[in-house]
PDB file of N, CA and C in Angstrom:
ATOM      1  N   MET A   1      76.806  94.092 183.809  1.00  0.00           N
ATOM      2  CA  MET A   1      76.031  95.298 184.048  1.00  0.00           C
ATOM      3  C   MET A   1      75.237  95.182 185.347  1.00  0.00           C
ATOM      4  N   GLY A   2      74.685  94.004 185.570  1.00  0.00           N
ATOM      5  CA  GLY A   2      73.851  93.814 186.757  1.00  0.00           C
ATOM      6  C   GLY A   2      74.608  94.039 188.049  1.00  0.00           C
ATOM      7  N   ARG A   3      75.833  93.541 188.109  1.00  0.00           N
ATOM      8  CA  ARG A   3      76.643  93.737 189.318  1.00  0.00           C
ATOM      9  C   ARG A   3      76.969  95.205 189.526  1.00  0.00           C
ATOM     10  N   LEU A   4      77.199  95.924 188.440  1.00  0.00           N
ATOM     11  CA  LEU A   4      77.483  97.351 188.526  1.00  0.00           C
ATOM     12  C   LEU A   4      76.268  98.116 189.035  1.00  0.00           C
ATOM     13  N   LEU A   5      75.092  97.804 188.495  1.00  0.00           N
ATOM     14  CA  LEU A   5      73.862  98.456 188.953  1.00  0.00           C
ATOM     15  C   LEU A   5      73.573  98.128 190.411  1.00  0.00           C
ATOM     16  N   ALA A   6      73.844  96.893 190.808  1.00  0.00           N
ATOM     17  CA  ALA A   6      73.638  96.504 192.205  1.00  0.00           C
ATOM     18  C   ALA A   6      74.560  97.303 193.126  1.00  0.00           C
ATOM     19  N   GLY A   7      75.811  97.473 192.722  1.00  0.00           N
ATOM     20  CA  GLY A   7      76.755  98.249 193.530  1.00  0.00           C
ATOM     21  C   GLY A   7      76.341  99.698 193.663  1.00  0.00           C
ATOM     22  N   LEU A   8      75.929 100.312 192.556  1.00  0.00           N
ATOM     23  CA  LEU A   8      75.457 101.702 192.604  1.00  0.00           C
ATOM     24  C   LEU A   8      74.257 101.835 193.537  1.00  0.00           C
ATOM     25  N   SER A   9      73.348 100.875 193.449  1.00  0.00           N
ATOM     26  CA  SER A   9      72.119 100.921 194.246  1.00  0.00           C
ATOM     27  C   SER A   9      72.406 100.808 195.736  1.00  0.00           C
ATOM     28  N   GLN A  10      73.396 100.013 196.096  1.00  0.00           N
ATOM     29  CA  GLN A  10      73.683  99.785 197.511  1.00  0.00           C
ATOM     30  C   GLN A  10      74.379 100.964 198.179  1.00  0.00           C
ATOM     31  N   VAL A  11      75.194 101.702 197.419  1.00  0.00           N
ATOM     32  CA  VAL A  11      75.945 102.800 198.046  1.00  0.00           C
ATOM     33  C   VAL A  11      75.358 104.177 197.744  1.00  0.00           C
ATOM     34  N   GLY A  12      74.364 104.232 196.851  1.00  0.00           N
ATOM     35  CA  GLY A  12      73.743 105.517 196.535  1.00  0.00           C
ATOM     36  C   GLY A  12      74.554 106.364 195.575  1.00  0.00           C
ATOM     37  N   ALA A  13      75.383 105.717 194.772  1.00  0.00           N
ATOM     38  CA  ALA A  13      76.210 106.458 193.815  1.00  0.00           C
ATOM     39  C   ALA A  13      75.429 106.730 192.536  1.00  0.00           C
ATOM     40  N   TRP A  14      75.946 107.660 191.752  1.00  0.00           N
ATOM     41  CA  TRP A  14      75.393 107.945 190.434  1.00  0.00           C
ATOM     42  C   TRP A  14      76.289 107.282 189.403  1.00  0.00           C
ATOM     43  N   GLY A  15      75.674 106.724 188.383  1.00  0.00           N
ATOM     44  CA  GLY A  15      76.426 106.117 187.294  1.00  0.00           C
ATOM     45  C   GLY A  15      75.989 106.706 185.969  1.00  0.00           C
ATOM     46  N   CYS A  16      76.946 107.086 185.147  1.00  0.00           N
ATOM     47  CA  CYS A  16      76.644 107.591 183.808  1.00  0.00           C
ATOM     48  C   CYS A  16      77.276 106.634 182.806  1.00  0.00           C
ATOM     49  N   PHE A  17      76.443 106.020 182.004  1.00  0.00           N
ATOM     50  CA  PHE A  17      76.892 105.039 181.030  1.00  0.00           C
ATOM     51  C   PHE A  17      76.928 105.697 179.659  1.00  0.00           C
ATOM     52  N   ASP A  18      78.138 105.878 179.140  1.00  0.00           N
ATOM     53  CA  ASP A  18      78.354 106.577 177.875  1.00  0.00           C
ATOM     54  C   ASP A  18      78.144 105.624 176.703  1.00  0.00           C
ATOM     55  N   GLU A  19      77.583 106.158 175.623  1.00  0.00           N
ATOM     56  CA  GLU A  19      77.355 105.373 174.392  1.00  0.00           C
ATOM     57  C   GLU A  19      76.571 104.096 174.710  1.00  0.00           C
ATOM     58  N   PHE A  20      75.528 104.256 175.483  1.00  0.00           N
ATOM     59  CA  PHE A  20      74.734 103.124 175.961  1.00  0.00           C
ATOM     60  C   PHE A  20      74.145 102.314 174.812  1.00  0.00           C
ATOM     61  N   ASN A  21      73.831 102.973 173.713  1.00  0.00           N
ATOM     62  CA  ASN A  21      73.198 102.277 172.600  1.00  0.00           C
ATOM     63  C   ASN A  21      74.182 101.454 171.768  1.00  0.00           C
ATOM     64  N   ARG A  22      75.411 101.349 172.219  1.00  0.00           N
ATOM     65  CA  ARG A  22      76.368 100.447 171.556  1.00  0.00           C
ATOM     66  C   ARG A  22      76.219  99.015 172.055  1.00  0.00           C
ATOM     67  N   LEU A  23      75.488  98.818 173.151  1.00  0.00           N
ATOM     68  CA  LEU A  23      75.223  97.469 173.643  1.00  0.00           C
ATOM     69  C   LEU A  23      74.263  96.763 172.689  1.00  0.00           C
ATOM     70  N   GLU A  24      74.346  95.448 172.652  1.00  0.00           N
ATOM     71  CA  GLU A  24      73.437  94.667 171.826  1.00  0.00           C
ATOM     72  C   GLU A  24      72.021  94.770 172.374  1.00  0.00           C
ATOM     73  N   GLU A  25      71.042  94.680 171.472  1.00  0.00           N
ATOM     74  CA  GLU A  25      69.644  94.848 171.877  1.00  0.00           C
ATOM     75  C   GLU A  25      69.214  93.830 172.923  1.00  0.00           C
ATOM     76  N   ARG A  26      69.707  92.597 172.845  1.00  0.00           N
ATOM     77  CA  ARG A  26      69.313  91.579 173.843  1.00  0.00           C
ATOM     78  C   ARG A  26      69.834  91.956 175.229  1.00  0.00           C
ATOM     79  N   ILE A  27      71.000  92.584 175.285  1.00  0.00           N
ATOM     80  CA  ILE A  27      71.559  93.022 176.567  1.00  0.00           C
ATOM     81  C   ILE A  27      70.797  94.239 177.073  1.00  0.00           C
ATOM     82  N   LEU A  28      70.457  95.152 176.167  1.00  0.00           N
ATOM     83  CA  LEU A  28      69.675  96.331 176.552  1.00  0.00           C
ATOM     84  C   LEU A  28      68.350  95.932 177.178  1.00  0.00           C
ATOM     85  N   SER A  29      67.726  94.901 176.649  1.00  0.00           N
ATOM     86  CA  SER A  29      66.449  94.448 177.179  1.00  0.00           C
ATOM     87  C   SER A  29      66.598  93.922 178.607  1.00  0.00           C
ATOM     88  N   ALA A  30      67.648  93.148 178.861  1.00  0.00           N
ATOM     89  CA  ALA A  30      67.884  92.623 180.214  1.00  0.00           C
ATOM     90  C   ALA A  30      68.197  93.751 181.191  1.00  0.00           C
ATOM     91  N   VAL A  31      69.004  94.709 180.749  1.00  0.00           N
ATOM     92  CA  VAL A  31      69.374  95.842 181.605  1.00  0.00           C
ATOM     93  C   VAL A  31      68.143  96.690 181.936  1.00  0.00           C
ATOM     94  N   SER A  32      67.231  96.822 180.983  1.00  0.00           N
ATOM     95  CA  SER A  32      66.037  97.631 181.225  1.00  0.00           C
ATOM     96  C   SER A  32      65.211  97.062 182.374  1.00  0.00           C
ATOM     97  N   GLN A  33      65.148  95.731 182.497  1.00  0.00           N
ATOM     98  CA  GLN A  33      64.413  95.117 183.599  1.00  0.00           C
ATOM     99  C   GLN A  33      65.072  95.434 184.940  1.00  0.00           C
ATOM    100  N   GLN A  34      66.393  95.439 184.975  1.00  0.00           N
ATOM    101  CA  GLN A  34      67.108  95.748 186.212  1.00  0.00           C
ATOM    102  C   GLN A  34      66.916  97.217 186.601  1.00  0.00           C
ATOM    103  N   ILE A  35      66.974  98.106 185.631  1.00  0.00           N
ATOM    104  CA  ILE A  35      66.776  99.529 185.906  1.00  0.00           C
ATOM    105  C   ILE A  35      65.343  99.783 186.357  1.00  0.00           C
ATOM    106  N   LEU A  36      64.385  99.105 185.734  1.00  0.00           N
ATOM    107  CA  LEU A  36      62.986  99.247 186.139  1.00  0.00           C
ATOM    108  C   LEU A  36      62.800  98.810 187.586  1.00  0.00           C
ATOM    109  N   THR A  37      63.445  97.730 187.984  1.00  0.00           N
ATOM    110  CA  THR A  37      63.354  97.257 189.366  1.00  0.00           C
ATOM    111  C   THR A  37      63.893  98.312 190.331  1.00  0.00           C
ATOM    112  N   ILE A  38      65.010  98.925 189.986  1.00  0.00           N
ATOM    113  CA  ILE A  38      65.597  99.966 190.833  1.00  0.00           C
ATOM    114  C   ILE A  38      64.674 101.170 190.906  1.00  0.00           C
ATOM    115  N   GLN A  39      64.158 101.619 189.766  1.00  0.00           N
ATOM    116  CA  GLN A  39      63.283 102.789 189.756  1.00  0.00           C
ATOM    117  C   GLN A  39      61.988 102.549 190.526  1.00  0.00           C
ATOM    118  N   ARG A  40      61.410 101.369 190.383  1.00  0.00           N
ATOM    119  CA  ARG A  40      60.193 101.057 191.148  1.00  0.00           C
ATOM    120  C   ARG A  40      60.473 101.039 192.649  1.00  0.00           C
ATOM    121  N   GLY A  41      61.605 100.474 193.012  1.00  0.00           N
ATOM    122  CA  GLY A  41      61.980 100.461 194.420  1.00  0.00           C
ATOM    123  C   GLY A  41      62.121 101.866 194.981  1.00  0.00           C
ATOM    124  N   LEU A  42      62.699 102.762 194.186  1.00  0.00           N
ATOM    125  CA  LEU A  42      62.844 104.151 194.627  1.00  0.00           C
ATOM    126  C   LEU A  42      61.488 104.843 194.748  1.00  0.00           C
ATOM    127  N   LEU A  43      60.629 104.649 193.749  1.00  0.00           N
ATOM    128  CA  LEU A  43      59.308 105.282 193.771  1.00  0.00           C
ATOM    129  C   LEU A  43      58.462 104.808 194.945  1.00  0.00           C
ATOM    130  N   GLU A  44      58.586 103.529 195.267  1.00  0.00           N
ATOM    131  CA  GLU A  44      57.798 102.948 196.358  1.00  0.00           C
ATOM    132  C   GLU A  44      58.515 103.015 197.696  1.00  0.00           C
ATOM    133  N   ARG A  45      59.683 103.668 197.706  1.00  0.00           N
ATOM    134  CA  ARG A  45      60.473 103.885 198.911  1.00  0.00           C
ATOM    135  C   ARG A  45      60.812 102.595 199.659  1.00  0.00           C
ATOM    136  N   HIS A  46      61.184 101.559 198.891  1.00  0.00           N
ATOM    137  CA  HIS A  46      61.619 100.307 199.507  1.00  0.00           C
ATOM    138  C   HIS A  46      63.057 100.457 199.993  1.00  0.00           C
ATOM    139  N   SER A  47      63.362  99.803 201.086  1.00  0.00           N
ATOM    140  CA  SER A  47      64.744  99.831 201.590  1.00  0.00           C
ATOM    141  C   SER A  47      65.563  98.693 200.992  1.00  0.00           C
ATOM    142  N   GLN A  48      64.888  97.671 200.467  1.00  0.00           N
ATOM    143  CA  GLN A  48      65.561  96.560 199.797  1.00  0.00           C
ATOM    144  C   GLN A  48      64.798  96.166 198.545  1.00  0.00           C
ATOM    145  N   ILE A  49      65.542  95.671 197.547  1.00  0.00           N
ATOM    146  CA  ILE A  49      64.927  95.179 196.314  1.00  0.00           C
ATOM    147  C   ILE A  49      65.557  93.846 195.934  1.00  0.00           C
ATOM    148  N   ASP A  50      64.860  93.091 195.101  1.00  0.00           N
ATOM    149  CA  ASP A  50      65.392  91.835 194.576  1.00  0.00           C
ATOM    150  C   ASP A  50      66.004  92.132 193.211  1.00  0.00           C
ATOM    151  N   LEU A  51      67.313  92.045 193.114  1.00  0.00           N
ATOM    152  CA  LEU A  51      68.021  92.322 191.866  1.00  0.00           C
ATOM    153  C   LEU A  51      68.928  91.143 191.561  1.00  0.00           C
ATOM    154  N   MET A  52      68.751  90.550 190.407  1.00  0.00           N
ATOM    155  CA  MET A  52      69.541  89.387 189.975  1.00  0.00           C
ATOM    156  C   MET A  52      69.410  88.213 190.945  1.00  0.00           C
ATOM    157  N   GLY A  53      68.234  88.041 191.495  1.00  0.00           N
ATOM    158  CA  GLY A  53      67.986  86.900 192.364  1.00  0.00           C
ATOM    159  C   GLY A  53      68.460  87.030 193.791  1.00  0.00           C
ATOM    160  N   ARG A  54      68.902  88.215 194.186  1.00  0.00           N
ATOM    161  CA  ARG A  54      69.304  88.395 195.585  1.00  0.00           C
ATOM    162  C   ARG A  54      68.797  89.732 196.121  1.00  0.00           C
ATOM    163  N   GLN A  55      68.577  89.754 197.411  1.00  0.00           N
ATOM    164  CA  GLN A  55      68.107  90.966 198.078  1.00  0.00           C
ATOM    165  C   GLN A  55      69.282  91.918 198.284  1.00  0.00           C
ATOM    166  N   ILE A  56      69.115  93.155 197.842  1.00  0.00           N
ATOM    167  CA  ILE A  56      70.152  94.155 198.080  1.00  0.00           C
ATOM    168  C   ILE A  56      69.511  95.379 198.715  1.00  0.00           C
ATOM    169  N   THR A  57      70.304  96.096 199.494  1.00  0.00           N
ATOM    170  CA  THR A  57      69.864  97.347 200.096  1.00  0.00           C
ATOM    171  C   THR A  57      69.777  98.398 199.003  1.00  0.00           C
ATOM    172  N   LEU A  58      68.709  99.168 199.023  1.00  0.00           N
ATOM    173  CA  LEU A  58      68.515 100.227 198.034  1.00  0.00           C
ATOM    174  C   LEU A  58      68.701 101.582 198.700  1.00  0.00           C
ATOM    175  N   HIS A  59      69.747 102.276 198.325  1.00  0.00           N
ATOM    176  CA  HIS A  59      70.032 103.614 198.843  1.00  0.00           C
ATOM    177  C   HIS A  59      69.239 104.616 198.008  1.00  0.00           C
ATOM    178  N   ASP A  60      68.588 105.573 198.666  1.00  0.00           N
ATOM    179  CA  ASP A  60      67.690 106.478 197.934  1.00  0.00           C
ATOM    180  C   ASP A  60      68.396 107.569 197.132  1.00  0.00           C
ATOM    181  N   ASN A  61      69.709 107.629 197.166  1.00  0.00           N
ATOM    182  CA  ASN A  61      70.435 108.629 196.361  1.00  0.00           C
ATOM    183  C   ASN A  61      70.954 108.095 195.030  1.00  0.00           C
ATOM    184  N   VAL A  62      70.693 106.826 194.717  1.00  0.00           N
ATOM    185  CA  VAL A  62      71.212 106.240 193.483  1.00  0.00           C
ATOM    186  C   VAL A  62      70.648 106.977 192.262  1.00  0.00           C
ATOM    187  N   GLY A  63      71.500 107.153 191.259  1.00  0.00           N
ATOM    188  CA  GLY A  63      71.075 107.788 190.006  1.00  0.00           C
ATOM    189  C   GLY A  63      71.710 107.069 188.831  1.00  0.00           C
ATOM    190  N   ILE A  64      70.922 106.844 187.795  1.00  0.00           N
ATOM    191  CA  ILE A  64      71.417 106.161 186.603  1.00  0.00           C
ATOM    192  C   ILE A  64      71.164 107.064 185.402  1.00  0.00           C
ATOM    193  N   PHE A  65      72.231 107.356 184.683  1.00  0.00           N
ATOM    194  CA  PHE A  65      72.160 108.243 183.519  1.00  0.00           C
ATOM    195  C   PHE A  65      72.818 107.555 182.337  1.00  0.00           C
ATOM    196  N   ILE A  66      72.331 107.851 181.141  1.00  0.00           N
ATOM    197  CA  ILE A  66      72.941 107.266 179.946  1.00  0.00           C
ATOM    198  C   ILE A  66      73.164 108.358 178.908  1.00  0.00           C
ATOM    199  N   THR A  67      74.165 108.154 178.073  1.00  0.00           N
ATOM    200  CA  THR A  67      74.363 109.007 176.902  1.00  0.00           C
ATOM    201  C   THR A  67      74.345 108.106 175.679  1.00  0.00           C
ATOM    202  N   MET A  68      73.962 108.680 174.559  1.00  0.00           N
ATOM    203  CA  MET A  68      73.958 107.914 173.320  1.00  0.00           C
ATOM    204  C   MET A  68      74.058 108.846 172.133  1.00  0.00           C
ATOM    205  N   ASN A  69      74.597 108.317 171.062  1.00  0.00           N
ATOM    206  CA  ASN A  69      74.706 109.046 169.805  1.00  0.00           C
ATOM    207  C   ASN A  69      73.965 108.256 168.737  1.00  0.00           C
ATOM    208  N   PRO A  70      72.670 108.518 168.575  1.00  0.00           N
ATOM    209  CA  PRO A  70      71.898 107.737 167.604  1.00  0.00           C
ATOM    210  C   PRO A  70      72.317 108.063 166.173  1.00  0.00           C
ATOM    211  N   GLY A  71      72.118 107.103 165.304  1.00  0.00           N
ATOM    212  CA  GLY A  71      72.380 107.335 163.892  1.00  0.00           C
ATOM    213  C   GLY A  71      73.753 106.937 163.418  1.00  0.00           C
ATOM    214  N   TYR A  72      74.674 106.662 164.321  1.00  0.00           N
ATOM    215  CA  TYR A  72      76.010 106.233 163.915  1.00  0.00           C
ATOM    216  C   TYR A  72      76.012 104.732 163.637  1.00  0.00           C
ATOM    217  N   GLU A  73      76.924 104.298 162.804  1.00  0.00           N
ATOM    218  CA  GLU A  73      77.034 102.880 162.483  1.00  0.00           C
ATOM    219  C   GLU A  73      77.407 102.094 163.736  1.00  0.00           C
ATOM    220  N   GLY A  74      76.802 100.930 163.888  1.00  0.00           N
ATOM    221  CA  GLY A  74      77.093 100.076 165.032  1.00  0.00           C
ATOM    222  C   GLY A  74      76.290 100.410 166.274  1.00  0.00           C
ATOM    223  N   ARG A  75      75.356 101.330 166.169  1.00  0.00           N
ATOM    224  CA  ARG A  75      74.522 101.700 167.318  1.00  0.00           C
ATOM    225  C   ARG A  75      73.163 101.021 167.190  1.00  0.00           C
ATOM    226  N   SER A  76      72.607 100.600 168.308  1.00  0.00           N
ATOM    227  CA  SER A  76      71.277  99.989 168.346  1.00  0.00           C
ATOM    228  C   SER A  76      70.247 101.044 168.704  1.00  0.00           C
ATOM    229  N   ASN A  77      69.026 100.794 168.314  1.00  0.00           N
ATOM    230  CA  ASN A  77      67.929 101.621 168.803  1.00  0.00           C
ATOM    231  C   ASN A  77      67.552 101.101 170.179  1.00  0.00           C
ATOM    232  N   LEU A  78      67.231 102.010 171.084  1.00  0.00           N
ATOM    233  CA  LEU A  78      66.817 101.572 172.413  1.00  0.00           C
ATOM    234  C   LEU A  78      65.430 100.955 172.333  1.00  0.00           C
ATOM    235  N   PRO A  79      65.219  99.823 173.005  1.00  0.00           N
ATOM    236  CA  PRO A  79      63.869  99.256 173.060  1.00  0.00           C
ATOM    237  C   PRO A  79      62.927 100.240 173.759  1.00  0.00           C
ATOM    238  N   ASP A  80      61.647 100.213 173.389  1.00  0.00           N
ATOM    239  CA  ASP A  80      60.677 101.154 173.960  1.00  0.00           C
ATOM    240  C   ASP A  80      60.591 101.056 175.472  1.00  0.00           C
ATOM    241  N   ASN A  81      60.708  99.840 176.013  1.00  0.00           N
ATOM    242  CA  ASN A  81      60.617  99.716 177.471  1.00  0.00           C
ATOM    243  C   ASN A  81      61.803 100.384 178.166  1.00  0.00           C
ATOM    244  N   LEU A  82      62.942 100.486 177.487  1.00  0.00           N
ATOM    245  CA  LEU A  82      64.106 101.166 178.062  1.00  0.00           C
ATOM    246  C   LEU A  82      64.002 102.675 177.857  1.00  0.00           C
ATOM    247  N   LYS A  83      63.508 103.097 176.707  1.00  0.00           N
ATOM    248  CA  LYS A  83      63.329 104.533 176.444  1.00  0.00           C
ATOM    249  C   LYS A  83      62.429 105.179 177.485  1.00  0.00           C
ATOM    250  N   SER A  84      61.402 104.452 177.901  1.00  0.00           N
ATOM    251  CA  SER A  84      60.427 105.014 178.833  1.00  0.00           C
ATOM    252  C   SER A  84      61.010 105.236 180.230  1.00  0.00           C
ATOM    253  N   LEU A  85      62.170 104.660 180.523  1.00  0.00           N
ATOM    254  CA  LEU A  85      62.771 104.792 181.853  1.00  0.00           C
ATOM    255  C   LEU A  85      63.638 106.030 182.006  1.00  0.00           C
ATOM    256  N   PHE A  86      63.904 106.727 180.895  1.00  0.00           N
ATOM    257  CA  PHE A  86      64.799 107.880 180.924  1.00  0.00           C
ATOM    258  C   PHE A  86      64.142 109.091 180.284  1.00  0.00           C
ATOM    259  N   ARG A  87      64.525 110.252 180.751  1.00  0.00           N
ATOM    260  CA  ARG A  87      64.079 111.506 180.163  1.00  0.00           C
ATOM    261  C   ARG A  87      65.125 111.902 179.123  1.00  0.00           C
ATOM    262  N   SER A  88      64.673 112.175 177.904  1.00  0.00           N
ATOM    263  CA  SER A  88      65.640 112.486 176.852  1.00  0.00           C
ATOM    264  C   SER A  88      65.746 113.988 176.613  1.00  0.00           C
ATOM    265  N   PHE A  89      66.902 114.387 176.161  1.00  0.00           N
ATOM    266  CA  PHE A  89      67.112 115.757 175.708  1.00  0.00           C
ATOM    267  C   PHE A  89      68.260 115.741 174.711  1.00  0.00           C
ATOM    268  N   ALA A  90      68.312 116.762 173.882  1.00  0.00           N
ATOM    269  CA  ALA A  90      69.338 116.822 172.835  1.00  0.00           C
ATOM    270  C   ALA A  90      70.277 117.984 173.113  1.00  0.00           C
ATOM    271  N   MET A  91      71.521 117.798 172.723  1.00  0.00           N
ATOM    272  CA  MET A  91      72.525 118.857 172.863  1.00  0.00           C
ATOM    273  C   MET A  91      73.126 119.113 171.487  1.00  0.00           C
ATOM    274  N   VAL A  92      73.366 120.366 171.180  1.00  0.00           N
ATOM    275  CA  VAL A  92      73.974 120.726 169.908  1.00  0.00           C
ATOM    276  C   VAL A  92      75.116 121.712 170.152  1.00  0.00           C
ATOM    277  N   VAL A  93      76.018 121.774 169.231  1.00  0.00           N
ATOM    278  CA  VAL A  93      77.117 122.730 169.317  1.00  0.00           C
ATOM    279  C   VAL A  93      76.557 124.126 169.043  1.00  0.00           C
ATOM    280  N   PRO A  94      76.865 125.095 169.885  1.00  0.00           N
ATOM    281  CA  PRO A  94      76.320 126.453 169.667  1.00  0.00           C
ATOM    282  C   PRO A  94      76.894 127.096 168.409  1.00  0.00           C
TER     283      PRO A  94
END
């Protein structure tokens, strides 16, 4: 995941991670730290950030989005520190 986030950050691409809550909670916690680093870098308008122990260029167009289907078997609850990094909304069938 870290290499993928680093690549998105360097080129300014958007990434949408589907069924994000299917990852194990220990992995979600590690990913949340990487996403927080990217978001802080964007807010503070840094041109470079330290991600996974190396300096990478931070492109200001990077976007990270997640989808999840809570309540299904095999899904984890998102840790609070990860929930706070995303804006949530619900979609229903009309």
